[in-house]
């Protein structure tokens, strides 16, 4: 019986991990006045964390000083 309990526990852990991942990534549509620093302050509480957003959107954001209205970016 203990072996079957192990497999049940493992499924629960994987399910919880997947739901944690899906809720930890947000989509954000850039609005007027947004900057990577402002978004980092809003989502992380620290403006110096802007590089996390920039690195997660490599290819979408070509210049960290220029983000455009309507752009869809990921907030990890």
PDB file of N, CA and C in Angstrom:
ATOM      1  N   UNK A   1       0.811  -1.194   0.000  1.00  0.00           N
ATOM      2  CA  UNK A   1       0.000   0.000   0.000  1.00  0.00           C
ATOM      3  C   UNK A   1       0.858   1.264   0.000  1.00  0.00           C
ATOM      4  N   UNK A   2       2.012   1.229   0.593  1.00  0.00           N
ATOM      5  CA  UNK A   2       2.856   2.419   0.692  1.00  0.00           C
ATOM      6  C   UNK A   2       3.342   2.877  -0.675  1.00  0.00           C
ATOM      7  N   UNK A   3       3.596   1.948  -1.588  1.00  0.00           N
ATOM      8  CA  UNK A   3       4.047   2.305  -2.923  1.00  0.00           C
ATOM      9  C   UNK A   3       2.969   3.091  -3.667  1.00  0.00           C
ATOM     10  N   UNK A   4       1.735   2.680  -3.548  1.00  0.00           N
ATOM     11  CA  UNK A   4       0.637   3.392  -4.193  1.00  0.00           C
ATOM     12  C   UNK A   4       0.445   4.785  -3.591  1.00  0.00           C
ATOM     13  N   UNK A   5       0.666   4.908  -2.304  1.00  0.00           N
ATOM     14  CA  UNK A   5       0.574   6.219  -1.657  1.00  0.00           C
ATOM     15  C   UNK A   5       1.635   7.168  -2.211  1.00  0.00           C
ATOM     16  N   UNK A   6       2.817   6.625  -2.493  1.00  0.00           N
ATOM     17  CA  UNK A   6       3.891   7.436  -3.054  1.00  0.00           C
ATOM     18  C   UNK A   6       3.471   8.035  -4.397  1.00  0.00           C
ATOM     19  N   UNK A   7       2.900   7.216  -5.272  1.00  0.00           N
ATOM     20  CA  UNK A   7       2.482   7.706  -6.584  1.00  0.00           C
ATOM     21  C   UNK A   7       1.352   8.725  -6.480  1.00  0.00           C
ATOM     22  N   UNK A   8       0.459   8.560  -5.545  1.00  0.00           N
ATOM     23  CA  UNK A   8      -0.613   9.541  -5.354  1.00  0.00           C
ATOM     24  C   UNK A   8      -0.024  10.880  -4.926  1.00  0.00           C
ATOM     25  N   UNK A   9       0.932  10.833  -4.018  1.00  0.00           N
ATOM     26  CA  UNK A   9       1.580  12.051  -3.535  1.00  0.00           C
ATOM     27  C   UNK A   9       2.323  12.742  -4.667  1.00  0.00           C
ATOM     28  N   UNK A  10       3.015  11.976  -5.492  1.00  0.00           N
ATOM     29  CA  UNK A  10       3.777  12.548  -6.592  1.00  0.00           C
ATOM     30  C   UNK A  10       2.862  13.284  -7.569  1.00  0.00           C
ATOM     31  N   UNK A  11       1.725  12.730  -7.900  1.00  0.00           N
ATOM     32  CA  UNK A  11       0.781  13.399  -8.795  1.00  0.00           C
ATOM     33  C   UNK A  11       0.309  14.721  -8.217  1.00  0.00           C
ATOM     34  N   UNK A  12       0.045  14.745  -6.941  1.00  0.00           N
ATOM     35  CA  UNK A  12      -0.411  15.966  -6.283  1.00  0.00           C
ATOM     36  C   UNK A  12       0.662  17.042  -6.345  1.00  0.00           C
ATOM     37  N   UNK A  13       1.898  16.670  -6.108  1.00  0.00           N
ATOM     38  CA  UNK A  13       3.000  17.629  -6.143  1.00  0.00           C
ATOM     39  C   UNK A  13       3.154  18.207  -7.542  1.00  0.00           C
ATOM     40  N   UNK A  14       3.095  17.375  -8.569  1.00  0.00           N
ATOM     41  CA  UNK A  14       3.232  17.849  -9.940  1.00  0.00           C
ATOM     42  C   UNK A  14       2.077  18.779 -10.290  1.00  0.00           C
ATOM     43  N   UNK A  15       0.868  18.426  -9.915  1.00  0.00           N
ATOM     44  CA  UNK A  15      -0.294  19.260 -10.206  1.00  0.00           C
ATOM     45  C   UNK A  15      -0.148  20.624  -9.526  1.00  0.00           C
ATOM     46  N   UNK A  16       0.268  20.642  -8.274  1.00  0.00           N
ATOM     47  CA  UNK A  16       0.444  21.895  -7.548  1.00  0.00           C
ATOM     48  C   UNK A  16       1.544  22.738  -8.177  1.00  0.00           C
ATOM     49  N   UNK A  17       2.624  22.104  -8.619  1.00  0.00           N
ATOM     50  CA  UNK A  17       3.728  22.817  -9.246  1.00  0.00           C
ATOM     51  C   UNK A  17       3.270  23.476 -10.542  1.00  0.00           C
ATOM     52  N   UNK A  18       2.502  22.746 -11.362  1.00  0.00           N
ATOM     53  CA  UNK A  18       2.020  23.306 -12.623  1.00  0.00           C
ATOM     54  C   UNK A  18       1.094  24.490 -12.384  1.00  0.00           C
ATOM     55  N   UNK A  19       0.223  24.407 -11.406  1.00  0.00           N
ATOM     56  CA  UNK A  19      -0.679  25.527 -11.149  1.00  0.00           C
ATOM     57  C   UNK A  19       0.099  26.722 -10.609  1.00  0.00           C
ATOM     58  N   UNK A  20       1.159  26.465  -9.874  1.00  0.00           N
ATOM     59  CA  UNK A  20       2.002  27.541  -9.355  1.00  0.00           C
ATOM     60  C   UNK A  20       2.710  28.255 -10.505  1.00  0.00           C
ATOM     61  N   UNK A  21       3.184  27.497 -11.480  1.00  0.00           N
ATOM     62  CA  UNK A  21       3.859  28.093 -12.627  1.00  0.00           C
ATOM     63  C   UNK A  21       2.899  28.950 -13.426  1.00  0.00           C
ATOM     64  N   UNK A  22       1.722  28.445 -13.691  1.00  0.00           N
ATOM     65  CA  UNK A  22       0.783  29.186 -14.529  1.00  0.00           C
ATOM     66  C   UNK A  22       0.313  30.480 -13.875  1.00  0.00           C
ATOM     67  N   UNK A  23       0.262  30.532 -12.562  1.00  0.00           N
ATOM     68  CA  UNK A  23      -0.174  31.760 -11.901  1.00  0.00           C
ATOM     69  C   UNK A  23       0.969  32.733 -11.680  1.00  0.00           C
ATOM     70  N   UNK A  24       2.219  32.286 -11.832  1.00  0.00           N
ATOM     71  CA  UNK A  24       3.335  33.174 -11.561  1.00  0.00           C
ATOM     72  C   UNK A  24       3.762  33.968 -12.791  1.00  0.00           C
ATOM     73  N   UNK A  25       3.172  33.698 -13.948  1.00  0.00           N
ATOM     74  CA  UNK A  25       3.484  34.448 -15.156  1.00  0.00           C
ATOM     75  C   UNK A  25       2.234  35.232 -15.566  1.00  0.00           C
ATOM     76  N   UNK A  26       2.410  36.528 -15.722  1.00  0.00           N
ATOM     77  CA  UNK A  26       1.297  37.397 -16.092  1.00  0.00           C
ATOM     78  C   UNK A  26       1.559  38.030 -17.447  1.00  0.00           C
ATOM     79  N   UNK A  27       0.500  38.306 -18.168  1.00  0.00           N
ATOM     80  CA  UNK A  27       0.591  39.088 -19.403  1.00  0.00           C
ATOM     81  C   UNK A  27       0.219  40.522 -19.068  1.00  0.00           C
ATOM     82  N   UNK A  28       0.929  41.447 -19.679  1.00  0.00           N
ATOM     83  CA  UNK A  28       0.653  42.860 -19.450  1.00  0.00           C
ATOM     84  C   UNK A  28       0.633  43.572 -20.790  1.00  0.00           C
ATOM     85  N   UNK A  29      -0.369  44.380 -21.013  1.00  0.00           N
ATOM     86  CA  UNK A  29      -0.431  45.234 -22.195  1.00  0.00           C
ATOM     87  C   UNK A  29       0.114  46.598 -21.797  1.00  0.00           C
ATOM     88  N   UNK A  30       1.126  47.032 -22.508  1.00  0.00           N
ATOM     89  CA  UNK A  30       1.783  48.301 -22.186  1.00  0.00           C
ATOM     90  C   UNK A  30       0.804  49.446 -22.417  1.00  0.00           C
ATOM     91  N   UNK A  31       0.742  50.325 -21.429  1.00  0.00           N
ATOM     92  CA  UNK A  31      -0.130  51.494 -21.486  1.00  0.00           C
ATOM     93  C   UNK A  31       0.720  52.768 -21.488  1.00  0.00           C
ATOM     94  N   UNK A  32       0.076  53.863 -21.763  1.00  0.00           N
ATOM     95  CA  UNK A  32       0.762  55.154 -21.762  1.00  0.00           C
ATOM     96  C   UNK A  32       1.409  55.388 -20.394  1.00  0.00           C
ATOM     97  N   UNK A  33       2.662  55.782 -20.409  1.00  0.00           N
ATOM     98  CA  UNK A  33       3.377  56.082 -19.179  1.00  0.00           C
ATOM     99  C   UNK A  33       4.106  54.893 -18.576  1.00  0.00           C
ATOM    100  N   UNK A  34       3.895  53.687 -19.117  1.00  0.00           N
ATOM    101  CA  UNK A  34       4.588  52.511 -18.596  1.00  0.00           C
ATOM    102  C   UNK A  34       6.058  52.533 -18.980  1.00  0.00           C
ATOM    103  N   UNK A  35       6.875  52.044 -18.089  1.00  0.00           N
ATOM    104  CA  UNK A  35       8.290  51.798 -18.360  1.00  0.00           C
ATOM    105  C   UNK A  35       8.640  50.500 -17.640  1.00  0.00           C
ATOM    106  N   UNK A  36       9.756  49.927 -17.982  1.00  0.00           N
ATOM    107  CA  UNK A  36      10.150  48.680 -17.324  1.00  0.00           C
ATOM    108  C   UNK A  36      10.360  48.898 -15.827  1.00  0.00           C
ATOM    109  N   UNK A  37      10.888  50.060 -15.471  1.00  0.00           N
ATOM    110  CA  UNK A  37      11.087  50.370 -14.058  1.00  0.00           C
ATOM    111  C   UNK A  37       9.758  50.484 -13.325  1.00  0.00           C
ATOM    112  N   UNK A  38       8.784  51.155 -13.937  1.00  0.00           N
ATOM    113  CA  UNK A  38       7.462  51.303 -13.309  1.00  0.00           C
ATOM    114  C   UNK A  38       6.782  49.948 -13.145  1.00  0.00           C
ATOM    115  N   UNK A  39       6.895  49.107 -14.172  1.00  0.00           N
ATOM    116  CA  UNK A  39       6.276  47.786 -14.093  1.00  0.00           C
ATOM    117  C   UNK A  39       6.948  46.916 -13.023  1.00  0.00           C
ATOM    118  N   UNK A  40       8.270  47.021 -12.929  1.00  0.00           N
ATOM    119  CA  UNK A  40       8.985  46.265 -11.895  1.00  0.00           C
ATOM    120  C   UNK A  40       8.559  46.733 -10.507  1.00  0.00           C
ATOM    121  N   UNK A  41       8.397  48.022 -10.333  1.00  0.00           N
ATOM    122  CA  UNK A  41       7.938  48.567  -9.052  1.00  0.00           C
ATOM    123  C   UNK A  41       6.530  48.066  -8.732  1.00  0.00           C
ATOM    124  N   UNK A  42       5.654  48.050  -9.753  1.00  0.00           N
ATOM    125  CA  UNK A  42       4.270  47.623  -9.564  1.00  0.00           C
ATOM    126  C   UNK A  42       4.175  46.144  -9.209  1.00  0.00           C
ATOM    127  N   UNK A  43       4.881  45.292  -9.948  1.00  0.00           N
ATOM    128  CA  UNK A  43       4.733  43.854  -9.771  1.00  0.00           C
ATOM    129  C   UNK A  43       5.677  43.241  -8.734  1.00  0.00           C
ATOM    130  N   UNK A  44       6.877  43.822  -8.580  1.00  0.00           N
ATOM    131  CA  UNK A  44       7.851  43.246  -7.651  1.00  0.00           C
ATOM    132  C   UNK A  44       8.104  44.101  -6.417  1.00  0.00           C
ATOM    133  N   UNK A  45       7.678  45.354  -6.479  1.00  0.00           N
ATOM    134  CA  UNK A  45       7.933  46.243  -5.348  1.00  0.00           C
ATOM    135  C   UNK A  45       9.312  46.863  -5.373  1.00  0.00           C
ATOM    136  N   UNK A  46      10.059  46.651  -6.465  1.00  0.00           N
ATOM    137  CA  UNK A  46      11.424  47.167  -6.561  1.00  0.00           C
ATOM    138  C   UNK A  46      11.726  47.516  -8.021  1.00  0.00           C
ATOM    139  N   UNK A  47      11.936  48.785  -8.307  1.00  0.00           N
ATOM    140  CA  UNK A  47      12.166  49.244  -9.674  1.00  0.00           C
ATOM    141  C   UNK A  47      13.460  48.694 -10.267  1.00  0.00           C
ATOM    142  N   UNK A  48      14.408  48.328  -9.426  1.00  0.00           N
ATOM    143  CA  UNK A  48      15.682  47.819  -9.937  1.00  0.00           C
ATOM    144  C   UNK A  48      15.573  46.398 -10.505  1.00  0.00           C
ATOM    145  N   UNK A  49      14.419  45.777 -10.387  1.00  0.00           N
ATOM    146  CA  UNK A  49      14.193  44.438 -10.928  1.00  0.00           C
ATOM    147  C   UNK A  49      13.710  44.465 -12.378  1.00  0.00           C
ATOM    148  N   UNK A  50      13.823  45.599 -13.055  1.00  0.00           N
ATOM    149  CA  UNK A  50      13.329  45.748 -14.426  1.00  0.00           C
ATOM    150  C   UNK A  50      13.973  44.761 -15.386  1.00  0.00           C
ATOM    151  N   UNK A  51      15.186  44.334 -15.112  1.00  0.00           N
ATOM    152  CA  UNK A  51      15.884  43.408 -16.005  1.00  0.00           C
ATOM    153  C   UNK A  51      15.200  42.042 -16.081  1.00  0.00           C
ATOM    154  N   UNK A  52      14.500  41.645 -15.032  1.00  0.00           N
ATOM    155  CA  UNK A  52      13.750  40.379 -15.070  1.00  0.00           C
ATOM    156  C   UNK A  52      12.693  40.431 -16.162  1.00  0.00           C
ATOM    157  N   UNK A  53      12.019  41.547 -16.269  1.00  0.00           N
ATOM    158  CA  UNK A  53      10.986  41.711 -17.291  1.00  0.00           C
ATOM    159  C   UNK A  53      11.635  41.777 -18.674  1.00  0.00           C
ATOM    160  N   UNK A  54      12.711  42.529 -18.777  1.00  0.00           N
ATOM    161  CA  UNK A  54      13.416  42.663 -20.054  1.00  0.00           C
ATOM    162  C   UNK A  54      13.917  41.307 -20.549  1.00  0.00           C
ATOM    163  N   UNK A  55      14.539  40.535 -19.691  1.00  0.00           N
ATOM    164  CA  UNK A  55      15.072  39.229 -20.069  1.00  0.00           C
ATOM    165  C   UNK A  55      13.968  38.245 -20.450  1.00  0.00           C
ATOM    166  N   UNK A  56      12.828  38.326 -19.796  1.00  0.00           N
ATOM    167  CA  UNK A  56      11.710  37.437 -20.113  1.00  0.00           C
ATOM    168  C   UNK A  56      11.075  37.786 -21.454  1.00  0.00           C
ATOM    169  N   UNK A  57      11.291  39.005 -21.925  1.00  0.00           N
ATOM    170  CA  UNK A  57      10.693  39.464 -23.173  1.00  0.00           C
ATOM    171  C   UNK A  57      11.746  39.737 -24.240  1.00  0.00           C
ATOM    172  N   UNK A  58      12.840  39.019 -24.153  1.00  0.00           N
ATOM    173  CA  UNK A  58      13.911  39.170 -25.132  1.00  0.00           C
ATOM    174  C   UNK A  58      13.354  38.854 -26.515  1.00  0.00           C
ATOM    175  N   UNK A  59      13.518  39.752 -27.447  1.00  0.00           N
ATOM    176  CA  UNK A  59      12.972  39.584 -28.785  1.00  0.00           C
ATOM    177  C   UNK A  59      11.723  40.429 -28.996  1.00  0.00           C
ATOM    178  N   UNK A  60      10.948  40.630 -27.945  1.00  0.00           N
ATOM    179  CA  UNK A  60       9.768  41.491 -28.023  1.00  0.00           C
ATOM    180  C   UNK A  60      10.189  42.930 -27.754  1.00  0.00           C
ATOM    181  N   UNK A  61      11.014  43.096 -26.735  1.00  0.00           N
ATOM    182  CA  UNK A  61      11.533  44.423 -26.383  1.00  0.00           C
ATOM    183  C   UNK A  61      12.959  44.500 -26.914  1.00  0.00           C
ATOM    184  N   UNK A  62      13.193  45.357 -27.897  1.00  0.00           N
ATOM    185  CA  UNK A  62      14.528  45.460 -28.479  1.00  0.00           C
ATOM    186  C   UNK A  62      15.414  46.452 -27.736  1.00  0.00           C
ATOM    187  N   UNK A  63      14.801  47.466 -27.150  1.00  0.00           N
ATOM    188  CA  UNK A  63      15.538  48.479 -26.396  1.00  0.00           C
ATOM    189  C   UNK A  63      14.818  48.669 -25.066  1.00  0.00           C
ATOM    190  N   UNK A  64      15.487  48.429 -23.944  1.00  0.00           N
ATOM    191  CA  UNK A  64      14.804  48.534 -22.654  1.00  0.00           C
ATOM    192  C   UNK A  64      14.291  49.930 -22.327  1.00  0.00           C
ATOM    193  N   UNK A  65      14.778  50.926 -23.033  1.00  0.00           N
ATOM    194  CA  UNK A  65      14.299  52.293 -22.806  1.00  0.00           C
ATOM    195  C   UNK A  65      13.059  52.611 -23.621  1.00  0.00           C
ATOM    196  N   UNK A  66      12.720  51.727 -24.576  1.00  0.00           N
ATOM    197  CA  UNK A  66      11.585  51.982 -25.461  1.00  0.00           C
ATOM    198  C   UNK A  66      10.634  50.795 -25.456  1.00  0.00           C
ATOM    199  N   UNK A  67       9.501  50.973 -24.788  1.00  0.00           N
ATOM    200  CA  UNK A  67       8.416  50.010 -24.915  1.00  0.00           C
ATOM    201  C   UNK A  67       7.227  50.791 -25.457  1.00  0.00           C
ATOM    202  N   UNK A  68       6.415  50.130 -26.245  1.00  0.00           N
ATOM    203  CA  UNK A  68       5.380  50.825 -26.986  1.00  0.00           C
ATOM    204  C   UNK A  68       3.980  50.446 -26.514  1.00  0.00           C
ATOM    205  N   UNK A  69       3.067  51.388 -26.622  1.00  0.00           N
ATOM    206  CA  UNK A  69       1.674  51.157 -26.238  1.00  0.00           C
ATOM    207  C   UNK A  69       1.137  49.969 -27.010  1.00  0.00           C
ATOM    208  N   UNK A  70       0.398  49.147 -26.328  1.00  0.00           N
ATOM    209  CA  UNK A  70      -0.227  48.005 -26.973  1.00  0.00           C
ATOM    210  C   UNK A  70       0.641  46.760 -27.045  1.00  0.00           C
ATOM    211  N   UNK A  71       1.921  46.897 -26.729  1.00  0.00           N
ATOM    212  CA  UNK A  71       2.792  45.719 -26.720  1.00  0.00           C
ATOM    213  C   UNK A  71       2.330  44.736 -25.651  1.00  0.00           C
ATOM    214  N   UNK A  72       2.348  43.467 -25.984  1.00  0.00           N
ATOM    215  CA  UNK A  72       2.040  42.423 -25.012  1.00  0.00           C
ATOM    216  C   UNK A  72       3.356  41.901 -24.459  1.00  0.00           C
ATOM    217  N   UNK A  73       3.551  42.037 -23.166  1.00  0.00           N
ATOM    218  CA  UNK A  73       4.776  41.529 -22.548  1.00  0.00           C
ATOM    219  C   UNK A  73       4.421  40.581 -21.417  1.00  0.00           C
ATOM    220  N   UNK A  74       5.388  39.779 -21.048  1.00  0.00           N
ATOM    221  CA  UNK A  74       5.230  38.792 -19.980  1.00  0.00           C
ATOM    222  C   UNK A  74       5.875  39.325 -18.711  1.00  0.00           C
ATOM    223  N   UNK A  75       5.194  39.171 -17.614  1.00  0.00           N
ATOM    224  CA  UNK A  75       5.741  39.513 -16.299  1.00  0.00           C
ATOM    225  C   UNK A  75       5.992  38.194 -15.572  1.00  0.00           C
ATOM    226  N   UNK A  76       7.263  37.784 -15.462  1.00  0.00           N
ATOM    227  CA  UNK A  76       7.533  36.494 -14.810  1.00  0.00           C
ATOM    228  C   UNK A  76       7.363  36.542 -13.299  1.00  0.00           C
TER     229      UNK A  76
END
